[in-house]
Amino acid sequence: MWQCVRANVKRRVLNPFIEPEFVAERVEKMKAGIRAKVEHPFRVIKRQFGFNTVRYRGLAKNTAQIVTLFALSNLWMARRRLMQAEA
């Protein structure tokens, strides 16, 4: 159900008895909202910090690096609020 976005034509075929466009639009809107929340930290890590490729190290080292990068990503995204609170 959460694997991909459905095309407009397939949304109308779901269930003709329960307002198919309304149900399909809500499902697609939920998926888009989740995707937007998840993709933004990845964009920060790739563009701001320059980590576009994965290095093949140990599992523990990769996990530690990812956790650190996402912590930095959270700080990067909250930087304006943090600076306003400081001033």
C-alpha atoms as a PDB file:
ATOM      1  CA  MET A   1       0.000   0.000   0.000  1.00  0.00           C
ATOM      2  CA  TRP A   2       2.817   2.462   0.792  1.00  0.00           C
ATOM      3  CA  GLN A   3       5.177   1.436  -1.990  1.00  0.00           C
ATOM      4  CA  CYS A   4       4.408   3.933  -4.723  1.00  0.00           C
ATOM      5  CA  VAL A   5       2.097   6.720  -5.786  1.00  0.00           C
ATOM      6  CA  ARG A   6      -0.897   5.676  -7.844  1.00  0.00           C
ATOM      7  CA  ALA A   7      -1.715   7.315 -11.144  1.00  0.00           C
ATOM      8  CA  ASN A   8      -4.962   9.300 -11.482  1.00  0.00           C
ATOM      9  CA  VAL A   9      -6.532   6.596 -13.652  1.00  0.00           C
ATOM     10  CA  LYS A  10      -5.894   3.850 -11.090  1.00  0.00           C
ATOM     11  CA  ARG A  11      -7.236   5.960  -8.229  1.00  0.00           C
ATOM     12  CA  ARG A  12     -10.707   5.967  -9.783  1.00  0.00           C
ATOM     13  CA  VAL A  13     -10.782   2.165 -10.127  1.00  0.00           C
ATOM     14  CA  LEU A  14     -10.313   1.429  -6.381  1.00  0.00           C
ATOM     15  CA  ASN A  15     -13.915   1.150  -5.153  1.00  0.00           C
ATOM     16  CA  PRO A  16     -16.774   2.751  -7.106  1.00  0.00           C
ATOM     17  CA  PHE A  17     -19.200   2.624  -4.143  1.00  0.00           C
ATOM     18  CA  ILE A  18     -17.151   4.679  -1.637  1.00  0.00           C
ATOM     19  CA  GLU A  19     -16.273   7.996  -3.259  1.00  0.00           C
ATOM     20  CA  PRO A  20     -13.082   6.667  -4.830  1.00  0.00           C
ATOM     21  CA  GLU A  21     -11.521  10.024  -5.583  1.00  0.00           C
ATOM     22  CA  PHE A  22     -11.907  11.226  -1.999  1.00  0.00           C
ATOM     23  CA  VAL A  23     -10.399   8.081  -0.461  1.00  0.00           C
ATOM     24  CA  ALA A  24      -7.602   7.871  -3.017  1.00  0.00           C
ATOM     25  CA  GLU A  25      -6.725  11.544  -2.641  1.00  0.00           C
ATOM     26  CA  ARG A  26      -6.498  11.192   1.153  1.00  0.00           C
ATOM     27  CA  VAL A  27      -4.228   8.158   0.832  1.00  0.00           C
ATOM     28  CA  GLU A  28      -1.964   9.925  -1.652  1.00  0.00           C
ATOM     29  CA  LYS A  29      -1.895  13.058   0.506  1.00  0.00           C
ATOM     30  CA  MET A  30      -0.866  11.015   3.562  1.00  0.00           C
ATOM     31  CA  LYS A  31       1.915   9.337   1.595  1.00  0.00           C
ATOM     32  CA  ALA A  32       3.142  12.675   0.257  1.00  0.00           C
ATOM     33  CA  GLY A  33       3.206  14.152   3.759  1.00  0.00           C
ATOM     34  CA  ILE A  34       5.219  11.248   5.134  1.00  0.00           C
ATOM     35  CA  ARG A  35       7.577  11.359   2.165  1.00  0.00           C
ATOM     36  CA  ALA A  36       8.164  15.098   2.596  1.00  0.00           C
ATOM     37  CA  LYS A  37       9.042  14.677   6.274  1.00  0.00           C
ATOM     38  CA  VAL A  38      11.448  11.841   5.525  1.00  0.00           C
ATOM     39  CA  GLU A  39      13.176  13.258   2.447  1.00  0.00           C
ATOM     40  CA  HIS A  40      14.186  16.645   3.881  1.00  0.00           C
ATOM     41  CA  PRO A  41      16.844  15.326   6.319  1.00  0.00           C
ATOM     42  CA  PHE A  42      18.340  13.238   3.507  1.00  0.00           C
ATOM     43  CA  ARG A  43      18.586  16.358   1.343  1.00  0.00           C
ATOM     44  CA  VAL A  44      20.391  18.223   4.135  1.00  0.00           C
ATOM     45  CA  ILE A  45      22.861  15.374   4.591  1.00  0.00           C
ATOM     46  CA  LYS A  46      23.542  15.097   0.862  1.00  0.00           C
ATOM     47  CA  ARG A  47      23.709  18.778  -0.089  1.00  0.00           C
ATOM     48  CA  GLN A  48      24.819  20.668   3.007  1.00  0.00           C
ATOM     49  CA  PHE A  49      27.219  18.067   4.361  1.00  0.00           C
ATOM     50  CA  GLY A  50      28.299  16.525   1.028  1.00  0.00           C
ATOM     51  CA  PHE A  51      27.624  12.864   1.836  1.00  0.00           C
ATOM     52  CA  ASN A  52      26.374  11.535  -1.496  1.00  0.00           C
ATOM     53  CA  THR A  53      27.966   8.109  -1.447  1.00  0.00           C
ATOM     54  CA  VAL A  54      28.186   5.300   1.078  1.00  0.00           C
ATOM     55  CA  ARG A  55      31.496   3.975   2.298  1.00  0.00           C
ATOM     56  CA  TYR A  56      31.819   0.261   2.900  1.00  0.00           C
ATOM     57  CA  ARG A  57      33.105   0.017   6.446  1.00  0.00           C
ATOM     58  CA  GLY A  58      31.804  -1.956   9.350  1.00  0.00           C
ATOM     59  CA  LEU A  59      28.162  -1.982  10.298  1.00  0.00           C
ATOM     60  CA  ALA A  60      28.857  -0.250  13.608  1.00  0.00           C
ATOM     61  CA  LYS A  61      30.891   2.533  11.962  1.00  0.00           C
ATOM     62  CA  ASN A  62      28.244   3.200   9.310  1.00  0.00           C
ATOM     63  CA  THR A  63      25.518   3.246  11.954  1.00  0.00           C
ATOM     64  CA  ALA A  64      27.469   5.677  14.115  1.00  0.00           C
ATOM     65  CA  GLN A  65      28.107   7.966  11.146  1.00  0.00           C
ATOM     66  CA  ILE A  66      24.449   7.960  10.081  1.00  0.00           C
ATOM     67  CA  VAL A  67      23.236   8.708  13.605  1.00  0.00           C
ATOM     68  CA  THR A  68      25.699  11.586  13.859  1.00  0.00           C
ATOM     69  CA  LEU A  69      24.719  12.959  10.448  1.00  0.00           C
ATOM     70  CA  PHE A  70      21.018  12.907  11.278  1.00  0.00           C
ATOM     71  CA  ALA A  71      21.695  14.642  14.604  1.00  0.00           C
ATOM     72  CA  LEU A  72      23.609  17.343  12.711  1.00  0.00           C
ATOM     73  CA  SER A  73      20.799  17.489  10.171  1.00  0.00           C
ATOM     74  CA  ASN A  74      18.287  18.152  12.956  1.00  0.00           C
ATOM     75  CA  LEU A  75      20.480  20.976  14.245  1.00  0.00           C
ATOM     76  CA  TRP A  76      20.851  22.400  10.736  1.00  0.00           C
ATOM     77  CA  MET A  77      17.085  22.420  10.195  1.00  0.00           C
ATOM     78  CA  ALA A  78      16.451  24.032  13.606  1.00  0.00           C
ATOM     79  CA  ARG A  79      19.260  26.598  13.325  1.00  0.00           C
ATOM     80  CA  ARG A  80      16.980  29.609  12.788  1.00  0.00           C
ATOM     81  CA  ARG A  81      14.857  28.825  15.829  1.00  0.00           C
ATOM     82  CA  LEU A  82      17.977  28.216  17.899  1.00  0.00           C
ATOM     83  CA  MET A  83      19.514  31.515  16.817  1.00  0.00           C
ATOM     84  CA  GLN A  84      16.295  33.409  17.588  1.00  0.00           C
ATOM     85  CA  ALA A  85      16.107  31.845  21.043  1.00  0.00           C
ATOM     86  CA  GLU A  86      19.702  32.905  21.708  1.00  0.00           C
ATOM     87  CA  ALA A  87      19.121  36.541  20.734  1.00  0.00           C
END
